[in-house]
Amino acid sequence: MHKAVRIQYEDFSTDDEIEALRATSKRIGGIGLFLGCARDFSEGREVSEIDFDAYDRMALSELSALRDEAIARFGLMGARIVHRVGTVTSGENIVLIVTGAEHRAAALDACRWIIDELKERVPIWKKEITPEGDSWVVPHP
C-alpha cells in the first residue's frame, strides 16, 4: 500500500486512495475529495502541458504537516494527499486530497482547507506550456 502523503511522477488511482482511507477506520461516515486536473485553457491561452517542479524533501514535510494539522483541527479519522510532479498533459490528474471523518461537514471542510493551505505553503511550482511560450504560474488560492 502506498504512503498516505506522496509526491510522484506517475498518475494515481482515486479508487485505490479512497479504499486505503476507508481501511483506516470503520468510523468514517463521510469522505471528502478534491481532485485537481490539468486544464487546456488558462488566462486566455491554450495550455498543452503543465510542468510541475518541487523541492521534494521540503514539500513532503509540509504536506505531512498539513495532513497532521487537518486531522487534529477537523477531527478526521484519516487523510491522504498525492501530488504529481513532472509533465502533466491537459485532462490528466494533478493532485488528490481525500479526507475521512465521522460526518460529512468535517471531511469536506478539511478537504478545502488542505488544498487552500497546500497552494500557499507547499513548495511546488508549475509552468504552463502554451503555443505562445512557457510561463511560470504565480501561486494563487
N, C-alpha and C. Protein backbone atom coordinates (compact mmCIF):
# COMPACT_ATOMS: atom_id res chain seq x y z
N MET A 1 0.84 -1.19 0.00
CA MET A 1 0.00 0.00 0.00
C MET A 1 0.88 1.24 0.00
N HIS A 2 0.44 2.24 -0.72
CA HIS A 2 1.17 3.50 -0.81
C HIS A 2 1.08 4.29 0.48
N LYS A 3 2.07 5.15 0.69
CA LYS A 3 2.05 6.06 1.83
C LYS A 3 0.90 7.04 1.70
N ALA A 4 0.45 7.58 2.82
CA ALA A 4 -0.70 8.49 2.84
C ALA A 4 -0.37 9.86 2.24
N VAL A 5 0.90 10.23 2.22
CA VAL A 5 1.33 11.51 1.65
C VAL A 5 2.45 11.20 0.66
N ARG A 6 2.25 11.63 -0.61
CA ARG A 6 3.25 11.30 -1.64
C ARG A 6 3.37 12.42 -2.67
N ILE A 7 4.57 12.48 -3.26
CA ILE A 7 4.83 13.26 -4.47
C ILE A 7 5.36 12.25 -5.47
N GLN A 8 4.77 12.22 -6.67
CA GLN A 8 5.17 11.19 -7.63
C GLN A 8 5.00 11.66 -9.06
N TYR A 9 5.74 11.00 -9.97
CA TYR A 9 5.64 11.33 -11.39
C TYR A 9 4.43 10.67 -12.04
N GLU A 10 4.12 9.45 -11.64
CA GLU A 10 3.05 8.71 -12.30
C GLU A 10 1.67 9.11 -11.78
N ASP A 11 0.67 8.79 -12.58
CA ASP A 11 -0.71 9.05 -12.21
C ASP A 11 -1.07 8.20 -10.98
N PHE A 12 -2.19 8.48 -10.39
CA PHE A 12 -2.66 7.76 -9.21
C PHE A 12 -4.08 7.30 -9.45
N SER A 13 -4.52 6.35 -8.65
CA SER A 13 -5.88 5.83 -8.73
C SER A 13 -6.71 6.43 -7.60
N THR A 14 -7.73 7.18 -7.97
CA THR A 14 -8.64 7.76 -6.98
C THR A 14 -9.30 6.64 -6.18
N ASP A 15 -9.74 5.59 -6.85
CA ASP A 15 -10.39 4.47 -6.17
C ASP A 15 -9.46 3.82 -5.14
N ASP A 16 -8.19 3.61 -5.51
CA ASP A 16 -7.24 2.99 -4.58
C ASP A 16 -7.03 3.87 -3.35
N GLU A 17 -6.96 5.18 -3.55
CA GLU A 17 -6.74 6.09 -2.43
C GLU A 17 -7.96 6.13 -1.50
N ILE A 18 -9.15 6.10 -2.06
CA ILE A 18 -10.37 6.07 -1.23
C ILE A 18 -10.42 4.77 -0.43
N GLU A 19 -10.11 3.66 -1.07
CA GLU A 19 -10.13 2.37 -0.37
C GLU A 19 -9.09 2.32 0.74
N ALA A 20 -7.90 2.89 0.48
CA ALA A 20 -6.86 2.93 1.50
C ALA A 20 -7.32 3.76 2.70
N LEU A 21 -8.01 4.85 2.44
CA LEU A 21 -8.53 5.68 3.53
C LEU A 21 -9.61 4.93 4.31
N ARG A 22 -10.53 4.31 3.60
CA ARG A 22 -11.62 3.57 4.26
C ARG A 22 -11.09 2.45 5.15
N ALA A 23 -9.96 1.87 4.76
CA ALA A 23 -9.37 0.76 5.52
C ALA A 23 -8.81 1.22 6.87
N THR A 24 -8.66 2.53 7.06
CA THR A 24 -8.07 3.03 8.31
C THR A 24 -9.06 3.05 9.48
N SER A 25 -10.37 3.13 9.19
CA SER A 25 -11.35 3.20 10.28
C SER A 25 -12.76 2.89 9.79
N LYS A 26 -13.47 2.10 10.56
CA LYS A 26 -14.87 1.81 10.25
C LYS A 26 -15.79 2.91 10.78
N ARG A 27 -15.20 3.90 11.46
CA ARG A 27 -15.98 5.04 11.98
C ARG A 27 -16.19 6.12 10.93
N ILE A 28 -15.53 6.00 9.80
CA ILE A 28 -15.67 7.01 8.74
C ILE A 28 -17.10 6.96 8.19
N GLY A 29 -17.79 8.09 8.31
CA GLY A 29 -19.15 8.20 7.78
C GLY A 29 -19.24 9.15 6.60
N GLY A 30 -18.20 9.94 6.41
CA GLY A 30 -18.17 10.89 5.30
C GLY A 30 -16.76 11.00 4.74
N ILE A 31 -16.67 11.04 3.42
CA ILE A 31 -15.38 11.19 2.75
C ILE A 31 -15.45 12.43 1.86
N GLY A 32 -14.46 13.32 2.06
CA GLY A 32 -14.34 14.50 1.22
C GLY A 32 -13.22 14.25 0.22
N LEU A 33 -13.41 14.75 -1.00
CA LEU A 33 -12.42 14.50 -2.04
C LEU A 33 -12.23 15.75 -2.89
N PHE A 34 -10.97 16.09 -3.15
CA PHE A 34 -10.64 17.11 -4.13
C PHE A 34 -9.70 16.49 -5.14
N LEU A 35 -10.05 16.60 -6.41
CA LEU A 35 -9.21 16.11 -7.49
C LEU A 35 -8.90 17.28 -8.41
N GLY A 36 -7.63 17.68 -8.44
CA GLY A 36 -7.20 18.75 -9.32
C GLY A 36 -6.74 18.17 -10.64
N CYS A 37 -7.25 18.72 -11.75
CA CYS A 37 -6.93 18.23 -13.09
C CYS A 37 -6.32 19.35 -13.93
N ALA A 38 -5.50 18.98 -14.89
CA ALA A 38 -4.86 19.95 -15.78
C ALA A 38 -5.87 20.43 -16.82
N ARG A 39 -6.06 21.76 -16.87
CA ARG A 39 -6.97 22.36 -17.85
C ARG A 39 -6.22 22.61 -19.16
N ASP A 40 -6.97 22.73 -20.23
CA ASP A 40 -6.36 23.03 -21.52
C ASP A 40 -6.43 24.52 -21.86
N PHE A 41 -6.85 25.33 -20.90
CA PHE A 41 -7.01 26.76 -21.13
C PHE A 41 -6.76 27.50 -19.82
N SER A 42 -5.97 28.57 -19.86
CA SER A 42 -5.69 29.34 -18.66
C SER A 42 -5.38 30.78 -19.04
N GLU A 43 -6.06 31.70 -18.40
CA GLU A 43 -5.84 33.13 -18.62
C GLU A 43 -5.80 33.51 -20.10
N GLY A 44 -6.79 32.99 -20.83
CA GLY A 44 -6.94 33.36 -22.24
C GLY A 44 -6.02 32.64 -23.21
N ARG A 45 -5.28 31.65 -22.73
CA ARG A 45 -4.35 30.93 -23.60
C ARG A 45 -4.61 29.43 -23.56
N GLU A 46 -4.38 28.78 -24.69
CA GLU A 46 -4.44 27.32 -24.72
C GLU A 46 -3.22 26.77 -23.99
N VAL A 47 -3.43 25.71 -23.23
CA VAL A 47 -2.35 25.08 -22.48
C VAL A 47 -2.30 23.61 -22.90
N SER A 48 -1.13 23.17 -23.38
CA SER A 48 -0.99 21.78 -23.80
C SER A 48 -0.46 20.89 -22.69
N GLU A 49 0.43 21.46 -21.86
CA GLU A 49 1.04 20.71 -20.77
C GLU A 49 1.34 21.65 -19.61
N ILE A 50 1.52 21.04 -18.45
CA ILE A 50 1.98 21.78 -17.28
C ILE A 50 3.15 21.00 -16.69
N ASP A 51 4.24 21.70 -16.45
CA ASP A 51 5.40 21.09 -15.79
C ASP A 51 5.37 21.48 -14.31
N PHE A 52 5.42 20.46 -13.44
CA PHE A 52 5.45 20.70 -12.00
C PHE A 52 6.84 20.36 -11.47
N ASP A 53 7.34 21.25 -10.65
CA ASP A 53 8.64 21.04 -10.02
C ASP A 53 8.45 21.25 -8.52
N ALA A 54 9.21 20.51 -7.72
CA ALA A 54 9.06 20.62 -6.27
C ALA A 54 10.42 20.50 -5.59
N TYR A 55 10.51 21.12 -4.45
CA TYR A 55 11.62 20.89 -3.55
C TYR A 55 11.15 19.71 -2.70
N ASP A 56 11.46 18.48 -3.18
CA ASP A 56 10.83 17.26 -2.69
C ASP A 56 10.81 17.10 -1.18
N ARG A 57 11.97 17.18 -0.52
CA ARG A 57 12.01 16.94 0.92
C ARG A 57 11.16 17.95 1.68
N MET A 58 11.28 19.20 1.31
CA MET A 58 10.51 20.23 1.99
C MET A 58 9.02 20.10 1.67
N ALA A 59 8.70 19.80 0.41
CA ALA A 59 7.29 19.64 0.02
C ALA A 59 6.65 18.47 0.75
N LEU A 60 7.34 17.35 0.83
CA LEU A 60 6.80 16.19 1.56
C LEU A 60 6.62 16.50 3.04
N SER A 61 7.58 17.18 3.61
CA SER A 61 7.48 17.56 5.01
C SER A 61 6.27 18.46 5.26
N GLU A 62 6.08 19.43 4.38
CA GLU A 62 4.95 20.36 4.53
C GLU A 62 3.61 19.67 4.28
N LEU A 63 3.56 18.77 3.29
CA LEU A 63 2.33 18.01 3.04
C LEU A 63 1.98 17.14 4.24
N SER A 64 2.98 16.51 4.85
CA SER A 64 2.74 15.69 6.05
C SER A 64 2.24 16.55 7.20
N ALA A 65 2.83 17.74 7.35
CA ALA A 65 2.38 18.66 8.40
C ALA A 65 0.93 19.09 8.15
N LEU A 66 0.58 19.37 6.90
CA LEU A 66 -0.80 19.74 6.56
C LEU A 66 -1.76 18.61 6.94
N ARG A 67 -1.38 17.39 6.60
CA ARG A 67 -2.22 16.24 6.92
C ARG A 67 -2.43 16.15 8.43
N ASP A 68 -1.33 16.23 9.18
CA ASP A 68 -1.43 16.14 10.64
C ASP A 68 -2.29 17.27 11.22
N GLU A 69 -2.09 18.48 10.72
CA GLU A 69 -2.88 19.63 11.20
C GLU A 69 -4.36 19.44 10.90
N ALA A 70 -4.67 18.95 9.70
CA ALA A 70 -6.07 18.75 9.31
C ALA A 70 -6.73 17.69 10.19
N ILE A 71 -6.00 16.60 10.45
CA ILE A 71 -6.55 15.54 11.30
C ILE A 71 -6.88 16.10 12.68
N ALA A 72 -5.98 16.88 13.24
CA ALA A 72 -6.20 17.47 14.56
C ALA A 72 -7.29 18.54 14.54
N ARG A 73 -7.24 19.42 13.57
CA ARG A 73 -8.16 20.56 13.50
C ARG A 73 -9.60 20.15 13.24
N PHE A 74 -9.79 19.16 12.36
CA PHE A 74 -11.14 18.78 11.93
C PHE A 74 -11.61 17.45 12.52
N GLY A 75 -10.79 16.83 13.35
CA GLY A 75 -11.18 15.56 13.96
C GLY A 75 -11.32 14.44 12.95
N LEU A 76 -10.42 14.39 11.98
CA LEU A 76 -10.51 13.38 10.93
C LEU A 76 -10.08 12.00 11.43
N MET A 77 -10.61 10.99 10.78
CA MET A 77 -10.16 9.61 11.01
C MET A 77 -8.91 9.33 10.18
N GLY A 78 -8.75 10.09 9.09
CA GLY A 78 -7.59 9.93 8.22
C GLY A 78 -7.64 10.88 7.05
N ALA A 79 -6.52 10.98 6.35
CA ALA A 79 -6.43 11.83 5.16
C ALA A 79 -5.29 11.32 4.28
N ARG A 80 -5.44 11.53 2.98
CA ARG A 80 -4.42 11.14 2.01
C ARG A 80 -4.21 12.30 1.05
N ILE A 81 -2.94 12.56 0.72
CA ILE A 81 -2.59 13.64 -0.21
C ILE A 81 -1.57 13.11 -1.21
N VAL A 82 -1.89 13.23 -2.49
CA VAL A 82 -0.97 12.81 -3.55
C VAL A 82 -0.84 13.96 -4.54
N HIS A 83 0.40 14.36 -4.84
CA HIS A 83 0.63 15.43 -5.82
C HIS A 83 1.64 14.94 -6.85
N ARG A 84 1.33 15.18 -8.10
CA ARG A 84 2.25 14.78 -9.17
C ARG A 84 3.27 15.87 -9.45
N VAL A 85 4.42 15.46 -9.95
CA VAL A 85 5.44 16.36 -10.46
C VAL A 85 5.81 15.88 -11.85
N GLY A 86 6.61 16.67 -12.55
CA GLY A 86 6.94 16.33 -13.93
C GLY A 86 5.91 16.92 -14.87
N THR A 87 5.83 16.37 -16.06
CA THR A 87 4.93 16.89 -17.08
C THR A 87 3.57 16.21 -17.02
N VAL A 88 2.54 17.05 -16.93
CA VAL A 88 1.16 16.58 -16.91
C VAL A 88 0.45 17.21 -18.11
N THR A 89 -0.20 16.39 -18.92
CA THR A 89 -0.89 16.93 -20.09
C THR A 89 -2.34 17.28 -19.74
N SER A 90 -2.93 18.10 -20.58
CA SER A 90 -4.31 18.55 -20.36
C SER A 90 -5.23 17.35 -20.15
N GLY A 91 -6.08 17.47 -19.13
CA GLY A 91 -7.04 16.41 -18.83
C GLY A 91 -6.54 15.40 -17.81
N GLU A 92 -5.25 15.42 -17.49
CA GLU A 92 -4.71 14.45 -16.55
C GLU A 92 -4.85 14.95 -15.10
N ASN A 93 -4.72 14.01 -14.16
CA ASN A 93 -4.77 14.32 -12.73
C ASN A 93 -3.49 15.02 -12.29
N ILE A 94 -3.65 15.95 -11.35
CA ILE A 94 -2.50 16.65 -10.75
C ILE A 94 -2.39 16.33 -9.27
N VAL A 95 -3.45 16.57 -8.54
CA VAL A 95 -3.42 16.44 -7.08
C VAL A 95 -4.71 15.79 -6.60
N LEU A 96 -4.57 14.97 -5.54
CA LEU A 96 -5.73 14.33 -4.93
C LEU A 96 -5.63 14.49 -3.42
N ILE A 97 -6.73 14.92 -2.84
CA ILE A 97 -6.86 15.01 -1.38
C ILE A 97 -8.11 14.24 -1.02
N VAL A 98 -7.97 13.29 -0.11
CA VAL A 98 -9.10 12.50 0.36
C VAL A 98 -9.10 12.56 1.88
N THR A 99 -10.23 12.97 2.46
CA THR A 99 -10.35 13.10 3.91
C THR A 99 -11.51 12.26 4.41
N GLY A 100 -11.34 11.66 5.57
CA GLY A 100 -12.40 10.85 6.15
C GLY A 100 -12.69 11.27 7.57
N ALA A 101 -13.98 11.43 7.87
CA ALA A 101 -14.41 11.83 9.21
C ALA A 101 -15.71 11.10 9.55
N GLU A 102 -16.13 11.25 10.79
CA GLU A 102 -17.40 10.64 11.18
C GLU A 102 -18.56 11.24 10.41
N HIS A 103 -18.47 12.54 10.11
CA HIS A 103 -19.56 13.24 9.42
C HIS A 103 -19.03 14.03 8.22
N ARG A 104 -19.90 14.29 7.27
CA ARG A 104 -19.50 14.92 6.01
C ARG A 104 -18.92 16.32 6.17
N ALA A 105 -19.48 17.13 7.07
CA ALA A 105 -19.04 18.52 7.18
C ALA A 105 -17.55 18.61 7.49
N ALA A 106 -17.09 17.82 8.44
CA ALA A 106 -15.66 17.85 8.80
C ALA A 106 -14.81 17.38 7.64
N ALA A 107 -15.23 16.32 6.96
CA ALA A 107 -14.46 15.79 5.83
C ALA A 107 -14.36 16.82 4.71
N LEU A 108 -15.47 17.47 4.39
CA LEU A 108 -15.47 18.45 3.30
C LEU A 108 -14.71 19.73 3.68
N ASP A 109 -14.92 20.20 4.91
CA ASP A 109 -14.21 21.40 5.37
C ASP A 109 -12.70 21.16 5.38
N ALA A 110 -12.28 20.00 5.84
CA ALA A 110 -10.85 19.66 5.89
C ALA A 110 -10.25 19.59 4.50
N CYS A 111 -10.99 19.02 3.58
CA CYS A 111 -10.51 18.88 2.21
C CYS A 111 -10.24 20.26 1.60
N ARG A 112 -11.17 21.15 1.75
CA ARG A 112 -10.99 22.51 1.22
C ARG A 112 -9.82 23.22 1.92
N TRP A 113 -9.73 23.07 3.23
CA TRP A 113 -8.64 23.70 3.98
C TRP A 113 -7.29 23.19 3.50
N ILE A 114 -7.17 21.88 3.29
CA ILE A 114 -5.90 21.30 2.86
C ILE A 114 -5.49 21.85 1.49
N ILE A 115 -6.38 21.89 0.52
CA ILE A 115 -5.98 22.38 -0.81
C ILE A 115 -5.63 23.86 -0.76
N ASP A 116 -6.37 24.64 0.01
CA ASP A 116 -6.05 26.07 0.13
C ASP A 116 -4.69 26.28 0.77
N GLU A 117 -4.40 25.55 1.84
CA GLU A 117 -3.11 25.66 2.51
C GLU A 117 -1.98 25.12 1.64
N LEU A 118 -2.24 24.04 0.92
CA LEU A 118 -1.24 23.47 0.02
C LEU A 118 -0.77 24.52 -0.99
N LYS A 119 -1.72 25.22 -1.57
CA LYS A 119 -1.39 26.26 -2.57
C LYS A 119 -0.51 27.35 -1.98
N GLU A 120 -0.71 27.65 -0.70
CA GLU A 120 0.04 28.73 -0.04
C GLU A 120 1.39 28.28 0.51
N ARG A 121 1.47 27.06 1.01
CA ARG A 121 2.61 26.65 1.82
C ARG A 121 3.58 25.66 1.20
N VAL A 122 3.13 24.86 0.27
CA VAL A 122 3.97 23.76 -0.22
C VAL A 122 4.80 24.20 -1.43
N PRO A 123 6.12 23.98 -1.37
CA PRO A 123 7.00 24.42 -2.47
C PRO A 123 6.91 23.52 -3.70
N ILE A 124 5.80 23.69 -4.41
CA ILE A 124 5.58 23.04 -5.70
C ILE A 124 5.24 24.15 -6.67
N TRP A 125 5.96 24.20 -7.80
CA TRP A 125 5.77 25.26 -8.78
C TRP A 125 5.29 24.66 -10.08
N LYS A 126 4.51 25.47 -10.85
CA LYS A 126 4.04 24.98 -12.14
C LYS A 126 4.35 25.96 -13.25
N LYS A 127 4.69 25.37 -14.39
CA LYS A 127 4.98 26.14 -15.60
C LYS A 127 4.03 25.65 -16.69
N GLU A 128 3.24 26.58 -17.24
CA GLU A 128 2.31 26.23 -18.31
C GLU A 128 3.02 26.30 -19.66
N ILE A 129 2.78 25.27 -20.46
CA ILE A 129 3.35 25.20 -21.81
C ILE A 129 2.24 25.56 -22.79
N THR A 130 2.44 26.67 -23.53
CA THR A 130 1.42 27.16 -24.46
C THR A 130 2.04 27.41 -25.84
N PRO A 131 1.22 27.55 -26.88
CA PRO A 131 1.75 27.88 -28.20
C PRO A 131 2.50 29.23 -28.20
N GLU A 132 2.13 30.12 -27.28
CA GLU A 132 2.78 31.43 -27.19
C GLU A 132 4.08 31.39 -26.39
N GLY A 133 4.37 30.24 -25.78
CA GLY A 133 5.57 30.11 -24.97
C GLY A 133 5.24 29.60 -23.58
N ASP A 134 6.30 29.33 -22.83
CA ASP A 134 6.14 28.80 -21.47
C ASP A 134 6.09 29.94 -20.47
N SER A 135 5.33 29.73 -19.38
CA SER A 135 5.30 30.75 -18.33
C SER A 135 5.06 30.10 -16.98
N TRP A 136 5.85 30.54 -15.98
CA TRP A 136 5.66 30.09 -14.62
C TRP A 136 4.41 30.74 -14.07
N VAL A 137 3.63 29.99 -13.34
CA VAL A 137 2.38 30.49 -12.79
C VAL A 137 2.61 30.96 -11.38
N VAL A 138 2.18 32.19 -11.12
CA VAL A 138 2.27 32.76 -9.78
C VAL A 138 1.23 32.06 -8.91
N PRO A 139 1.62 31.61 -7.72
CA PRO A 139 0.66 30.91 -6.86
C PRO A 139 -0.56 31.77 -6.58
N HIS A 140 -1.70 31.10 -6.54
CA HIS A 140 -2.95 31.77 -6.20
C HIS A 140 -3.87 30.78 -5.52
N PRO A 141 -4.77 31.28 -4.65
CA PRO A 141 -5.66 30.38 -3.91
C PRO A 141 -6.70 29.72 -4.81
